[in-house]
PDB file of N, CA and C in Angstrom:
ATOM      1  N   UNK A   1       0.732  -1.186  -0.151  1.00  0.00           N
ATOM      2  CA  UNK A   1      -0.112  -0.014   0.219  1.00  0.00           C
ATOM      3  C   UNK A   1       0.809   1.284  -0.029  1.00  0.00           C
ATOM      4  N   UNK A   2       2.155   0.962   0.477  1.00  0.00           N
ATOM      5  CA  UNK A   2       2.952   2.386   0.532  1.00  0.00           C
ATOM      6  C   UNK A   2       3.320   2.891  -0.683  1.00  0.00           C
ATOM      7  N   UNK A   3       3.815   2.164  -1.747  1.00  0.00           N
ATOM      8  CA  UNK A   3       3.998   2.645  -3.126  1.00  0.00           C
ATOM      9  C   UNK A   3       2.762   3.427  -3.590  1.00  0.00           C
ATOM     10  N   UNK A   4       1.619   2.790  -3.653  1.00  0.00           N
ATOM     11  CA  UNK A   4       0.360   3.435  -4.227  1.00  0.00           C
ATOM     12  C   UNK A   4       0.127   4.743  -3.492  1.00  0.00           C
ATOM     13  N   UNK A   5       0.472   5.111  -2.244  1.00  0.00           N
ATOM     14  CA  UNK A   5       0.287   6.148  -1.657  1.00  0.00           C
ATOM     15  C   UNK A   5       1.130   7.397  -2.215  1.00  0.00           C
ATOM     16  N   UNK A   6       2.499   6.945  -2.495  1.00  0.00           N
ATOM     17  CA  UNK A   6       3.465   7.739  -3.021  1.00  0.00           C
ATOM     18  C   UNK A   6       2.856   8.392  -4.392  1.00  0.00           C
ATOM     19  N   UNK A   7       2.514   7.228  -5.129  1.00  0.00           N
ATOM     20  CA  UNK A   7       2.114   7.488  -6.579  1.00  0.00           C
ATOM     21  C   UNK A   7       0.691   8.540  -6.322  1.00  0.00           C
ATOM     22  N   UNK A   8      -0.086   8.171  -5.407  1.00  0.00           N
ATOM     23  CA  UNK A   8      -1.208   9.242  -5.505  1.00  0.00           C
ATOM     24  C   UNK A   8      -0.940  10.567  -5.094  1.00  0.00           C
ATOM     25  N   UNK A   9       0.049  10.822  -4.311  1.00  0.00           N
ATOM     26  CA  UNK A   9       0.403  12.113  -3.754  1.00  0.00           C
ATOM     27  C   UNK A   9       1.177  12.793  -4.859  1.00  0.00           C
ATOM     28  N   UNK A  10       1.932  12.345  -5.684  1.00  0.00           N
ATOM     29  CA  UNK A  10       2.691  12.523  -6.601  1.00  0.00           C
ATOM     30  C   UNK A  10       2.167  13.612  -7.594  1.00  0.00           C
ATOM     31  N   UNK A  11       0.914  13.000  -8.343  1.00  0.00           N
ATOM     32  CA  UNK A  11       0.313  14.051  -9.093  1.00  0.00           C
ATOM     33  C   UNK A  11      -0.518  15.100  -8.321  1.00  0.00           C
ATOM     34  N   UNK A  12      -0.734  14.772  -7.170  1.00  0.00           N
ATOM     35  CA  UNK A  12      -1.385  16.069  -6.177  1.00  0.00           C
ATOM     36  C   UNK A  12      -0.405  16.859  -6.276  1.00  0.00           C
ATOM     37  N   UNK A  13       0.874  17.040  -5.899  1.00  0.00           N
ATOM     38  CA  UNK A  13       1.787  17.855  -5.788  1.00  0.00           C
ATOM     39  C   UNK A  13       1.999  18.713  -7.181  1.00  0.00           C
ATOM     40  N   UNK A  14       2.138  17.591  -8.305  1.00  0.00           N
ATOM     41  CA  UNK A  14       2.348  18.186  -9.685  1.00  0.00           C
ATOM     42  C   UNK A  14       1.024  19.384 -10.108  1.00  0.00           C
ATOM     43  N   UNK A  15      -0.031  18.607  -9.740  1.00  0.00           N
ATOM     44  CA  UNK A  15      -1.302  19.471 -10.111  1.00  0.00           C
ATOM     45  C   UNK A  15      -1.273  20.822  -9.274  1.00  0.00           C
ATOM     46  N   UNK A  16      -1.076  20.759  -7.979  1.00  0.00           N
ATOM     47  CA  UNK A  16      -0.851  22.014  -7.164  1.00  0.00           C
ATOM     48  C   UNK A  16       0.224  23.087  -7.448  1.00  0.00           C
ATOM     49  N   UNK A  17       1.265  22.345  -8.165  1.00  0.00           N
ATOM     50  CA  UNK A  17       2.194  23.194  -8.642  1.00  0.00           C
ATOM     51  C   UNK A  17       1.711  23.806 -10.016  1.00  0.00           C
ATOM     52  N   UNK A  18       1.175  23.162 -10.992  1.00  0.00           N
ATOM     53  CA  UNK A  18       0.717  23.939 -11.975  1.00  0.00           C
ATOM     54  C   UNK A  18      -0.258  24.990 -11.744  1.00  0.00           C
ATOM     55  N   UNK A  19      -1.217  24.196 -10.883  1.00  0.00           N
ATOM     56  CA  UNK A  19      -2.267  25.389 -10.533  1.00  0.00           C
ATOM     57  C   UNK A  19      -1.678  26.799 -10.073  1.00  0.00           C
ATOM     58  N   UNK A  20      -0.582  26.562  -9.046  1.00  0.00           N
ATOM     59  CA  UNK A  20      -0.026  27.835  -8.650  1.00  0.00           C
ATOM     60  C   UNK A  20       0.932  28.674  -9.825  1.00  0.00           C
ATOM     61  N   UNK A  21       1.407  28.157 -10.865  1.00  0.00           N
ATOM     62  CA  UNK A  21       1.808  28.481 -11.730  1.00  0.00           C
ATOM     63  C   UNK A  21       0.805  29.258 -12.784  1.00  0.00           C
ATOM     64  N   UNK A  22      -0.436  28.746 -12.753  1.00  0.00           N
ATOM     65  CA  UNK A  22      -1.400  29.198 -13.682  1.00  0.00           C
ATOM     66  C   UNK A  22      -2.085  30.599 -12.717  1.00  0.00           C
ATOM     67  N   UNK A  23      -1.993  30.380 -11.374  1.00  0.00           N
ATOM     68  CA  UNK A  23      -2.829  31.575 -10.452  1.00  0.00           C
ATOM     69  C   UNK A  23      -1.736  32.502 -10.357  1.00  0.00           C
ATOM     70  N   UNK A  24      -0.454  32.492 -10.419  1.00  0.00           N
ATOM     71  CA  UNK A  24       0.375  33.340  -9.918  1.00  0.00           C
ATOM     72  C   UNK A  24       0.141  34.827 -10.548  1.00  0.00           C
ATOM     73  N   UNK A  25       0.245  34.682 -11.826  1.00  0.00           N
ATOM     74  CA  UNK A  25      -0.042  36.193 -12.591  1.00  0.00           C
ATOM     75  C   UNK A  25      -1.274  36.753 -12.368  1.00  0.00           C
ATOM     76  N   UNK A  26      -1.555  38.002 -11.972  1.00  0.00           N
ATOM     77  CA  UNK A  26      -2.797  38.569 -11.767  1.00  0.00           C
ATOM     78  C   UNK A  26      -3.428  38.563 -12.931  1.00  0.00           C
ATOM     79  N   UNK A  27      -4.728  38.733 -12.950  1.00  0.00           N
ATOM     80  CA  UNK A  27      -5.973  38.850 -14.032  1.00  0.00           C
ATOM     81  C   UNK A  27      -5.397  39.094 -15.278  1.00  0.00           C
ATOM     82  N   UNK A  28      -4.930  40.472 -15.552  1.00  0.00           N
ATOM     83  CA  UNK A  28      -4.420  41.079 -16.756  1.00  0.00           C
ATOM     84  C   UNK A  28      -3.324  40.285 -17.131  1.00  0.00           C
ATOM     85  N   UNK A  29      -3.123  39.612 -18.440  1.00  0.00           N
ATOM     86  CA  UNK A  29      -2.362  38.965 -19.146  1.00  0.00           C
ATOM     87  C   UNK A  29      -1.150  40.005 -19.767  1.00  0.00           C
ATOM     88  N   UNK A  30      -0.068  39.784 -19.675  1.00  0.00           N
ATOM     89  CA  UNK A  30       1.069  40.530 -20.116  1.00  0.00           C
ATOM     90  C   UNK A  30       1.112  40.765 -21.641  1.00  0.00           C
ATOM     91  N   UNK A  31       1.169  41.812 -22.039  1.00  0.00           N
ATOM     92  CA  UNK A  31       1.066  41.936 -23.680  1.00  0.00           C
ATOM     93  C   UNK A  31       2.660  42.620 -23.968  1.00  0.00           C
ATOM     94  N   UNK A  32       2.997  42.264 -25.344  1.00  0.00           N
ATOM     95  CA  UNK A  32       4.303  42.805 -25.847  1.00  0.00           C
ATOM     96  C   UNK A  32       3.870  44.031 -26.773  1.00  0.00           C
ATOM     97  N   UNK A  33       4.702  45.042 -26.297  1.00  0.00           N
ATOM     98  CA  UNK A  33       4.642  46.165 -26.679  1.00  0.00           C
ATOM     99  C   UNK A  33       5.755  46.463 -27.925  1.00  0.00           C
ATOM    100  N   UNK A  34       5.016  46.880 -28.962  1.00  0.00           N
ATOM    101  CA  UNK A  34       6.018  47.364 -30.221  1.00  0.00           C
ATOM    102  C   UNK A  34       6.337  48.527 -30.250  1.00  0.00           C
ATOM    103  N   UNK A  35       5.670  49.679 -29.659  1.00  0.00           N
ATOM    104  CA  UNK A  35       6.078  50.966 -29.667  1.00  0.00           C
ATOM    105  C   UNK A  35       5.721  51.541 -28.255  1.00  0.00           C
ATOM    106  N   UNK A  36       6.559  51.580 -27.312  1.00  0.00           N
ATOM    107  CA  UNK A  36       6.357  51.991 -26.007  1.00  0.00           C
ATOM    108  C   UNK A  36       6.046  53.441 -25.943  1.00  0.00           C
ATOM    109  N   UNK A  37       5.387  53.735 -24.884  1.00  0.00           N
ATOM    110  CA  UNK A  37       5.084  55.444 -24.692  1.00  0.00           C
ATOM    111  C   UNK A  37       5.626  55.810 -23.471  1.00  0.00           C
ATOM    112  N   UNK A  38       6.212  56.980 -23.486  1.00  0.00           N
ATOM    113  CA  UNK A  38       6.974  57.139 -22.272  1.00  0.00           C
ATOM    114  C   UNK A  38       6.388  58.407 -21.526  1.00  0.00           C
ATOM    115  N   UNK A  39       6.531  58.442 -20.210  1.00  0.00           N
ATOM    116  CA  UNK A  39       6.116  59.657 -19.578  1.00  0.00           C
ATOM    117  C   UNK A  39       7.190  60.770 -19.790  1.00  0.00           C
ATOM    118  N   UNK A  40       8.290  60.819 -20.122  1.00  0.00           N
ATOM    119  CA  UNK A  40       9.294  61.942 -20.490  1.00  0.00           C
ATOM    120  C   UNK A  40       9.908  61.317 -21.592  1.00  0.00           C
ATOM    121  N   UNK A  41      10.591  62.077 -22.311  1.00  0.00           N
ATOM    122  CA  UNK A  41      11.540  61.922 -23.512  1.00  0.00           C
ATOM    123  C   UNK A  41      12.612  61.074 -22.856  1.00  0.00           C
ATOM    124  N   UNK A  42      12.951  59.733 -23.157  1.00  0.00           N
ATOM    125  CA  UNK A  42      13.973  58.922 -22.789  1.00  0.00           C
ATOM    126  C   UNK A  42      15.176  59.724 -22.987  1.00  0.00           C
ATOM    127  N   UNK A  43      16.221  59.813 -22.113  1.00  0.00           N
ATOM    128  CA  UNK A  43      17.554  60.146 -22.561  1.00  0.00           C
ATOM    129  C   UNK A  43      18.622  59.161 -22.957  1.00  0.00           C
ATOM    130  N   UNK A  44      19.284  59.447 -24.009  1.00  0.00           N
ATOM    131  CA  UNK A  44      20.245  58.419 -24.694  1.00  0.00           C
ATOM    132  C   UNK A  44      21.272  58.135 -23.800  1.00  0.00           C
ATOM    133  N   UNK A  45      21.546  56.982 -23.866  1.00  0.00           N
ATOM    134  CA  UNK A  45      22.932  56.453 -23.042  1.00  0.00           C
ATOM    135  C   UNK A  45      24.194  57.096 -23.429  1.00  0.00           C
ATOM    136  N   UNK A  46      25.031  57.387 -22.245  1.00  0.00           N
ATOM    137  CA  UNK A  46      26.432  57.936 -22.150  1.00  0.00           C
ATOM    138  C   UNK A  46      27.110  56.967 -23.002  1.00  0.00           C
ATOM    139  N   UNK A  47      27.970  57.147 -24.002  1.00  0.00           N
ATOM    140  CA  UNK A  47      28.673  56.347 -24.670  1.00  0.00           C
ATOM    141  C   UNK A  47      30.131  56.433 -24.015  1.00  0.00           C
ATOM    142  N   UNK A  48      30.583  55.207 -23.479  1.00  0.00           N
ATOM    143  CA  UNK A  48      31.576  55.002 -22.349  1.00  0.00           C
ATOM    144  C   UNK A  48      32.891  55.587 -23.216  1.00  0.00           C
ATOM    145  N   UNK A  49      33.713  56.372 -22.518  1.00  0.00           N
ATOM    146  CA  UNK A  49      34.612  56.783 -23.133  1.00  0.00           C
ATOM    147  C   UNK A  49      35.830  55.879 -23.732  1.00  0.00           C
ATOM    148  N   UNK A  50      35.939  55.025 -22.909  1.00  0.00           N
ATOM    149  CA  UNK A  50      36.871  54.023 -23.212  1.00  0.00           C
ATOM    150  C   UNK A  50      36.738  53.254 -24.438  1.00  0.00           C
ATOM    151  N   UNK A  51      35.401  52.849 -24.724  1.00  0.00           N
ATOM    152  CA  UNK A  51      34.786  52.259 -25.553  1.00  0.00           C
ATOM    153  C   UNK A  51      34.855  53.288 -27.005  1.00  0.00           C
ATOM    154  N   UNK A  52      34.667  54.519 -26.770  1.00  0.00           N
ATOM    155  CA  UNK A  52      34.928  55.427 -27.880  1.00  0.00           C
ATOM    156  C   UNK A  52      36.226  55.480 -28.509  1.00  0.00           C
ATOM    157  N   UNK A  53      37.107  55.674 -27.387  1.00  0.00           N
ATOM    158  CA  UNK A  53      38.789  55.483 -27.607  1.00  0.00           C
ATOM    159  C   UNK A  53      39.142  54.451 -28.495  1.00  0.00           C
ATOM    160  N   UNK A  54      38.544  53.101 -28.130  1.00  0.00           N
ATOM    161  CA  UNK A  54      38.841  51.885 -28.786  1.00  0.00           C
ATOM    162  C   UNK A  54      38.062  51.790 -30.181  1.00  0.00           C
ATOM    163  N   UNK A  55      37.068  52.761 -30.406  1.00  0.00           N
ATOM    164  CA  UNK A  55      36.279  52.683 -31.529  1.00  0.00           C
ATOM    165  C   UNK A  55      35.401  51.467 -31.600  1.00  0.00           C
ATOM    166  N   UNK A  56      34.872  51.136 -30.427  1.00  0.00           N
ATOM    167  CA  UNK A  56      34.056  49.756 -30.061  1.00  0.00           C
ATOM    168  C   UNK A  56      32.442  50.327 -30.205  1.00  0.00           C
ATOM    169  N   UNK A  57      32.162  49.782 -31.146  1.00  0.00           N
ATOM    170  CA  UNK A  57      30.469  49.925 -31.480  1.00  0.00           C
ATOM    171  C   UNK A  57      29.718  48.971 -31.354  1.00  0.00           C
ATOM    172  N   UNK A  58      28.378  49.108 -31.615  1.00  0.00           N
ATOM    173  CA  UNK A  58      27.403  47.711 -31.450  1.00  0.00           C
ATOM    174  C   UNK A  58      26.070  48.284 -31.111  1.00  0.00           C
ATOM    175  N   UNK A  59      25.245  47.191 -31.266  1.00  0.00           N
ATOM    176  CA  UNK A  59      23.780  47.262 -30.711  1.00  0.00           C
ATOM    177  C   UNK A  59      23.458  46.364 -29.614  1.00  0.00           C
ATOM    178  N   UNK A  60      22.750  46.980 -28.521  1.00  0.00           N
ATOM    179  CA  UNK A  60      22.521  46.207 -27.354  1.00  0.00           C
ATOM    180  C   UNK A  60      20.903  46.257 -27.454  1.00  0.00           C
ATOM    181  N   UNK A  61      20.536  44.852 -27.426  1.00  0.00           N
ATOM    182  CA  UNK A  61      18.809  44.485 -27.539  1.00  0.00           C
ATOM    183  C   UNK A  61      18.435  44.542 -25.795  1.00  0.00           C
ATOM    184  N   UNK A  62      17.683  45.470 -25.480  1.00  0.00           N
ATOM    185  CA  UNK A  62      17.264  45.375 -24.001  1.00  0.00           C
ATOM    186  C   UNK A  62      15.951  45.086 -23.887  1.00  0.00           C
ATOM    187  N   UNK A  63      15.532  44.041 -22.920  1.00  0.00           N
ATOM    188  CA  UNK A  63      14.276  43.716 -22.729  1.00  0.00           C
ATOM    189  C   UNK A  63      13.763  44.363 -21.584  1.00  0.00           C
ATOM    190  N   UNK A  64      12.587  45.456 -21.450  1.00  0.00           N
ATOM    191  CA  UNK A  64      12.058  45.840 -20.193  1.00  0.00           C
ATOM    192  C   UNK A  64      10.539  45.012 -20.067  1.00  0.00           C
ATOM    193  N   UNK A  65      10.570  44.686 -18.756  1.00  0.00           N
ATOM    194  CA  UNK A  65       9.278  44.160 -18.223  1.00  0.00           C
ATOM    195  C   UNK A  65       8.463  45.094 -17.511  1.00  0.00           C
ATOM    196  N   UNK A  66       7.358  45.565 -17.716  1.00  0.00           N
ATOM    197  CA  UNK A  66       6.810  46.682 -17.006  1.00  0.00           C
ATOM    198  C   UNK A  66       5.296  46.154 -16.240  1.00  0.00           C
ATOM    199  N   UNK A  67       5.145  46.639 -15.140  1.00  0.00           N
ATOM    200  CA  UNK A  67       3.927  46.309 -14.471  1.00  0.00           C
ATOM    201  C   UNK A  67       2.576  46.991 -15.256  1.00  0.00           C
ATOM    202  N   UNK A  68       1.694  46.719 -14.500  1.00  0.00           N
ATOM    203  CA  UNK A  68       0.370  47.575 -15.130  1.00  0.00           C
ATOM    204  C   UNK A  68       0.182  48.896 -14.642  1.00  0.00           C
ATOM    205  N   UNK A  69       1.253  49.376 -14.198  1.00  0.00           N
ATOM    206  CA  UNK A  69       1.455  50.910 -13.844  1.00  0.00           C
ATOM    207  C   UNK A  69       2.594  51.713 -14.580  1.00  0.00           C
ATOM    208  N   UNK A  70       3.278  50.721 -15.438  1.00  0.00           N
ATOM    209  CA  UNK A  70       4.269  51.116 -16.201  1.00  0.00           C
ATOM    210  C   UNK A  70       5.552  51.232 -15.573  1.00  0.00           C
ATOM    211  N   UNK A  71       5.668  50.913 -14.509  1.00  0.00           N
ATOM    212  CA  UNK A  71       7.024  50.688 -13.546  1.00  0.00           C
ATOM    213  C   UNK A  71       7.754  49.408 -13.964  1.00  0.00           C
ATOM    214  N   UNK A  72       9.103  49.447 -14.140  1.00  0.00           N
ATOM    215  CA  UNK A  72       9.941  48.570 -14.574  1.00  0.00           C
ATOM    216  C   UNK A  72       9.882  47.567 -13.480  1.00  0.00           C
ATOM    217  N   UNK A  73       9.699  46.264 -13.949  1.00  0.00           N
ATOM    218  CA  UNK A  73       9.764  45.095 -12.877  1.00  0.00           C
ATOM    219  C   UNK A  73      11.070  44.245 -13.425  1.00  0.00           C
ATOM    220  N   UNK A  74      11.580  44.305 -14.630  1.00  0.00           N
ATOM    221  CA  UNK A  74      12.899  43.537 -14.668  1.00  0.00           C
ATOM    222  C   UNK A  74      13.380  44.440 -16.193  1.00  0.00           C
ATOM    223  N   UNK A  75      14.842  43.975 -16.007  1.00  0.00           N
ATOM    224  CA  UNK A  75      15.387  44.790 -17.167  1.00  0.00           C
ATOM    225  C   UNK A  75      16.572  43.823 -17.554  1.00  0.00           C
ATOM    226  N   UNK A  76      16.752  43.467 -18.721  1.00  0.00           N
ATOM    227  CA  UNK A  76      17.850  42.464 -19.091  1.00  0.00           C
ATOM    228  C   UNK A  76      18.209  42.663 -20.604  1.00  0.00           C
ATOM    229  N   UNK A  77      19.559  42.428 -20.686  1.00  0.00           N
ATOM    230  CA  UNK A  77      20.139  42.205 -21.946  1.00  0.00           C
ATOM    231  C   UNK A  77      19.821  40.936 -22.770  1.00  0.00           C
ATOM    232  N   UNK A  78      19.061  41.098 -23.962  1.00  0.00           N
ATOM    233  CA  UNK A  78      18.640  39.975 -24.725  1.00  0.00           C
ATOM    234  C   UNK A  78      19.647  39.719 -25.449  1.00  0.00           C
ATOM    235  N   UNK A  79      20.498  40.646 -26.258  1.00  0.00           N
ATOM    236  CA  UNK A  79      21.551  40.277 -27.113  1.00  0.00           C
ATOM    237  C   UNK A  79      22.558  41.313 -26.828  1.00  0.00           C
ATOM    238  N   UNK A  80      23.793  40.916 -26.592  1.00  0.00           N
ATOM    239  CA  UNK A  80      24.926  41.817 -26.427  1.00  0.00           C
ATOM    240  C   UNK A  80      25.556  42.240 -27.481  1.00  0.00           C
ATOM    241  N   UNK A  81      25.747  43.619 -27.273  1.00  0.00           N
ATOM    242  CA  UNK A  81      27.015  44.273 -28.300  1.00  0.00           C
ATOM    243  C   UNK A  81      28.192  43.493 -28.502  1.00  0.00           C
ATOM    244  N   UNK A  82      28.498  42.767 -27.807  1.00  0.00           N
ATOM    245  CA  UNK A  82      29.864  42.002 -27.649  1.00  0.00           C
ATOM    246  C   UNK A  82      30.900  43.070 -26.971  1.00  0.00           C
ATOM    247  N   UNK A  83      30.441  44.168 -26.442  1.00  0.00           N
ATOM    248  CA  UNK A  83      31.373  44.839 -25.593  1.00  0.00           C
ATOM    249  C   UNK A  83      30.685  45.254 -24.494  1.00  0.00           C
ATOM    250  N   UNK A  84      31.211  44.833 -23.316  1.00  0.00           N
ATOM    251  CA  UNK A  84      30.570  44.767 -22.023  1.00  0.00           C
ATOM    252  C   UNK A  84      30.094  46.275 -21.480  1.00  0.00           C
ATOM    253  N   UNK A  85      31.126  47.281 -21.873  1.00  0.00           N
ATOM    254  CA  UNK A  85      30.760  48.577 -21.338  1.00  0.00           C
ATOM    255  C   UNK A  85      29.647  49.102 -22.210  1.00  0.00           C
ATOM    256  N   UNK A  86      29.395  49.003 -22.973  1.00  0.00           N
ATOM    257  CA  UNK A  86      28.275  49.460 -24.048  1.00  0.00           C
ATOM    258  C   UNK A  86      26.860  48.742 -23.486  1.00  0.00           C
ATOM    259  N   UNK A  87      27.150  47.414 -23.051  1.00  0.00           N
ATOM    260  CA  UNK A  87      25.880  46.537 -22.594  1.00  0.00           C
ATOM    261  C   UNK A  87      25.433  47.521 -21.316  1.00  0.00           C
ATOM    262  N   UNK A  88      26.353  47.561 -20.349  1.00  0.00           N
ATOM    263  CA  UNK A  88      26.191  48.431 -19.226  1.00  0.00           C
ATOM    264  C   UNK A  88      25.557  49.605 -19.158  1.00  0.00           C
ATOM    265  N   UNK A  89      26.283  50.480 -20.217  1.00  0.00           N
ATOM    266  CA  UNK A  89      25.701  51.897 -20.406  1.00  0.00           C
ATOM    267  C   UNK A  89      24.022  51.737 -20.999  1.00  0.00           C
ATOM    268  N   UNK A  90      23.969  50.829 -21.827  1.00  0.00           N
ATOM    269  CA  UNK A  90      22.612  50.742 -22.529  1.00  0.00           C
ATOM    270  C   UNK A  90      21.593  50.288 -21.393  1.00  0.00           C
ATOM    271  N   UNK A  91      21.993  49.372 -20.419  1.00  0.00           N
ATOM    272  CA  UNK A  91      21.121  49.197 -19.283  1.00  0.00           C
ATOM    273  C   UNK A  91      20.967  50.266 -18.221  1.00  0.00           C
ATOM    274  N   UNK A  92      22.075  51.092 -17.862  1.00  0.00           N
ATOM    275  CA  UNK A  92      22.021  52.087 -17.035  1.00  0.00           C
ATOM    276  C   UNK A  92      21.175  53.235 -17.651  1.00  0.00           C
ATOM    277  N   UNK A  93      21.135  53.411 -18.768  1.00  0.00           N
ATOM    278  CA  UNK A  93      20.317  54.499 -19.316  1.00  0.00           C
ATOM    279  C   UNK A  93      18.749  54.200 -19.397  1.00  0.00           C
ATOM    280  N   UNK A  94      18.494  52.889 -20.008  1.00  0.00           N
ATOM    281  CA  UNK A  94      16.850  52.432 -19.913  1.00  0.00           C
ATOM    282  C   UNK A  94      16.426  52.276 -18.464  1.00  0.00           C
ATOM    283  N   UNK A  95      17.284  52.069 -17.599  1.00  0.00           N
ATOM    284  CA  UNK A  95      16.901  51.879 -16.210  1.00  0.00           C
ATOM    285  C   UNK A  95      16.244  53.158 -15.554  1.00  0.00           C
ATOM    286  N   UNK A  96      16.683  54.301 -16.266  1.00  0.00           N
ATOM    287  CA  UNK A  96      15.945  55.391 -15.820  1.00  0.00           C
ATOM    288  C   UNK A  96      14.959  56.188 -16.458  1.00  0.00           C
ATOM    289  N   UNK A  97      14.809  55.249 -17.723  1.00  0.00           N
ATOM    290  CA  UNK A  97      13.649  55.540 -18.434  1.00  0.00           C
ATOM    291  C   UNK A  97      12.090  55.410 -17.818  1.00  0.00           C
ATOM    292  N   UNK A  98      11.015  56.281 -18.067  1.00  0.00           N
ATOM    293  CA  UNK A  98       9.867  56.070 -17.273  1.00  0.00           C
ATOM    294  C   UNK A  98       8.671  55.956 -18.445  1.00  0.00           C
ATOM    295  N   UNK A  99       8.191  54.995 -18.237  1.00  0.00           N
ATOM    296  CA  UNK A  99       7.034  54.312 -19.259  1.00  0.00           C
ATOM    297  C   UNK A  99       5.661  54.544 -18.781  1.00  0.00           C
ATOM    298  N   UNK A 100       4.811  55.029 -19.771  1.00  0.00           N
ATOM    299  CA  UNK A 100       3.633  54.834 -19.574  1.00  0.00           C
ATOM    300  C   UNK A 100       2.854  53.204 -19.548  1.00  0.00           C
ATOM    301  N   UNK A 101       1.879  53.025 -18.951  1.00  0.00           N
ATOM    302  CA  UNK A 101       1.417  51.556 -18.909  1.00  0.00           C
ATOM    303  C   UNK A 101       0.824  51.288 -20.077  1.00  0.00           C
ATOM    304  N   UNK A 102       0.772  50.160 -20.622  1.00  0.00           N
ATOM    305  CA  UNK A 102       0.153  49.671 -22.002  1.00  0.00           C
ATOM    306  C   UNK A 102      -1.454  49.585 -21.680  1.00  0.00           C
ATOM    307  N   UNK A 103      -2.430  49.647 -22.502  1.00  0.00           N
ATOM    308  CA  UNK A 103      -3.665  49.290 -22.071  1.00  0.00           C
ATOM    309  C   UNK A 103      -4.215  48.508 -23.127  1.00  0.00           C
ATOM    310  N   UNK A 104      -5.184  47.671 -22.680  1.00  0.00           N
ATOM    311  CA  UNK A 104      -6.133  46.632 -23.581  1.00  0.00           C
ATOM    312  C   UNK A 104      -7.580  46.561 -23.210  1.00  0.00           C
ATOM    313  N   UNK A 105      -8.147  46.863 -23.786  1.00  0.00           N
ATOM    314  CA  UNK A 105      -9.731  46.939 -23.426  1.00  0.00           C
ATOM    315  C   UNK A 105      -9.910  48.201 -22.424  1.00  0.00           C
ATOM    316  N   UNK A 106      -9.293  49.083 -22.589  1.00  0.00           N
ATOM    317  CA  UNK A 106      -9.319  50.106 -21.689  1.00  0.00           C
ATOM    318  C   UNK A 106      -8.783  49.813 -20.058  1.00  0.00           C
ATOM    319  N   UNK A 107      -8.234  49.008 -19.952  1.00  0.00           N
ATOM    320  CA  UNK A 107      -7.567  48.589 -18.853  1.00  0.00           C
ATOM    321  C   UNK A 107      -6.150  48.225 -18.689  1.00  0.00           C
ATOM    322  N   UNK A 108      -5.060  49.061 -17.831  1.00  0.00           N
ATOM    323  CA  UNK A 108      -3.815  49.016 -18.040  1.00  0.00           C
ATOM    324  C   UNK A 108      -3.305  47.632 -17.538  1.00  0.00           C
ATOM    325  N   UNK A 109      -2.331  47.076 -18.344  1.00  0.00           N
ATOM    326  CA  UNK A 109      -1.918  45.696 -18.360  1.00  0.00           C
ATOM    327  C   UNK A 109      -0.303  45.725 -18.074  1.00  0.00           C
ATOM    328  N   UNK A 110       0.122  44.482 -17.562  1.00  0.00           N
ATOM    329  CA  UNK A 110       1.721  44.365 -17.750  1.00  0.00           C
ATOM    330  C   UNK A 110       2.054  44.438 -18.990  1.00  0.00           C
ATOM    331  N   UNK A 111       3.337  44.768 -19.344  1.00  0.00           N
ATOM    332  CA  UNK A 111       4.075  44.459 -20.618  1.00  0.00           C
ATOM    333  C   UNK A 111       5.300  44.187 -20.765  1.00  0.00           C
ATOM    334  N   UNK A 112       5.785  43.994 -21.852  1.00  0.00           N
ATOM    335  CA  UNK A 112       7.220  43.653 -22.069  1.00  0.00           C
ATOM    336  C   UNK A 112       7.735  44.624 -23.516  1.00  0.00           C
ATOM    337  N   UNK A 113       8.689  44.960 -23.773  1.00  0.00           N
ATOM    338  CA  UNK A 113       9.137  45.763 -24.852  1.00  0.00           C
ATOM    339  C   UNK A 113      10.621  45.555 -25.157  1.00  0.00           C
ATOM    340  N   UNK A 114      10.989  45.235 -26.239  1.00  0.00           N
ATOM    341  CA  UNK A 114      12.468  44.957 -26.609  1.00  0.00           C
ATOM    342  C   UNK A 114      12.972  46.446 -27.132  1.00  0.00           C
ATOM    343  N   UNK A 115      13.827  46.891 -26.812  1.00  0.00           N
ATOM    344  CA  UNK A 115      14.582  48.203 -27.010  1.00  0.00           C
ATOM    345  C   UNK A 115      16.048  48.103 -27.695  1.00  0.00           C
ATOM    346  N   UNK A 116      16.414  48.285 -29.197  1.00  0.00           N
ATOM    347  CA  UNK A 116      17.695  48.159 -29.674  1.00  0.00           C
ATOM    348  C   UNK A 116      18.159  49.606 -29.177  1.00  0.00           C
ATOM    349  N   UNK A 117      19.529  49.597 -28.690  1.00  0.00           N
ATOM    350  CA  UNK A 117      20.380  50.524 -28.266  1.00  0.00           C
ATOM    351  C   UNK A 117      21.435  50.479 -29.058  1.00  0.00           C
ATOM    352  N   UNK A 118      21.544  51.606 -30.033  1.00  0.00           N
ATOM    353  CA  UNK A 118      22.828  51.424 -30.872  1.00  0.00           C
ATOM    354  C   UNK A 118      23.664  52.523 -30.482  1.00  0.00           C
ATOM    355  N   UNK A 119      24.884  51.925 -30.340  1.00  0.00           N
ATOM    356  CA  UNK A 119      26.407  52.695 -30.288  1.00  0.00           C
ATOM    357  C   UNK A 119      26.968  52.964 -31.401  1.00  0.00           C
ATOM    358  N   UNK A 120      27.342  53.925 -32.078  1.00  0.00           N
ATOM    359  CA  UNK A 120      27.805  54.071 -33.476  1.00  0.00           C
ATOM    360  C   UNK A 120      28.578  55.355 -33.286  1.00  0.00           C
ATOM    361  N   UNK A 121      29.850  55.444 -33.976  1.00  0.00           N
ATOM    362  CA  UNK A 121      30.748  56.278 -33.893  1.00  0.00           C
ATOM    363  C   UNK A 121      30.808  57.242 -34.996  1.00  0.00           C
ATOM    364  N   UNK A 122      30.214  56.742 -36.388  1.00  0.00           N
ATOM    365  CA  UNK A 122      30.315  57.301 -37.627  1.00  0.00           C
ATOM    366  C   UNK A 122      29.323  58.598 -37.595  1.00  0.00           C
ATOM    367  N   UNK A 123      30.170  59.743 -37.973  1.00  0.00           N
ATOM    368  CA  UNK A 123      29.375  61.198 -38.039  1.00  0.00           C
ATOM    369  C   UNK A 123      28.451  60.901 -39.247  1.00  0.00           C
ATOM    370  N   UNK A 124      27.248  61.649 -39.124  1.00  0.00           N
ATOM    371  CA  UNK A 124      26.429  61.669 -40.185  1.00  0.00           C
ATOM    372  C   UNK A 124      26.882  62.712 -41.227  1.00  0.00           C
ATOM    373  N   UNK A 125      26.740  62.744 -42.483  1.00  0.00           N
ATOM    374  CA  UNK A 125      27.152  63.716 -43.332  1.00  0.00           C
ATOM    375  C   UNK A 125      25.933  64.114 -44.378  1.00  0.00           C
TER     376      UNK A 125
END
C-alpha cells in the first residue's frame, strides 16, 4: 500500500504546482509592446569613453518588463553588443526611463518591450 500512497501523492503535488503557476500572474495578461510610450523623453545612453577611444560600436537589445502601472519590474540584455561597457551603459540608461502603462480594452496591463540601443561612432554627413 505504501507505493500506491506515493504514486497518489505525486500527481497532487504536480497539479498543485501547475495550479500555482497558472494562478500566480494577476488577471491581466502581459502584452508585448511594439511602440512603448514614455512619461518623459528618454535620455540616450552615455557612450563610455574607453569604448569611444577603442572605436568600439554595437547594438544592445534590451528587454524591459513593466507592471500595469508602467513601472519597470525587470530589465535585461537579450542580445549583447559584444562590448561589456556598451551593454552596461545601455542598461543604465534604460533603467532611468519612465514608461506609460500599456492598455488593453481600456485597462492597464503588464507589458514587455524590446529596445535596440545603438552605439555608433560614424558621424552623419
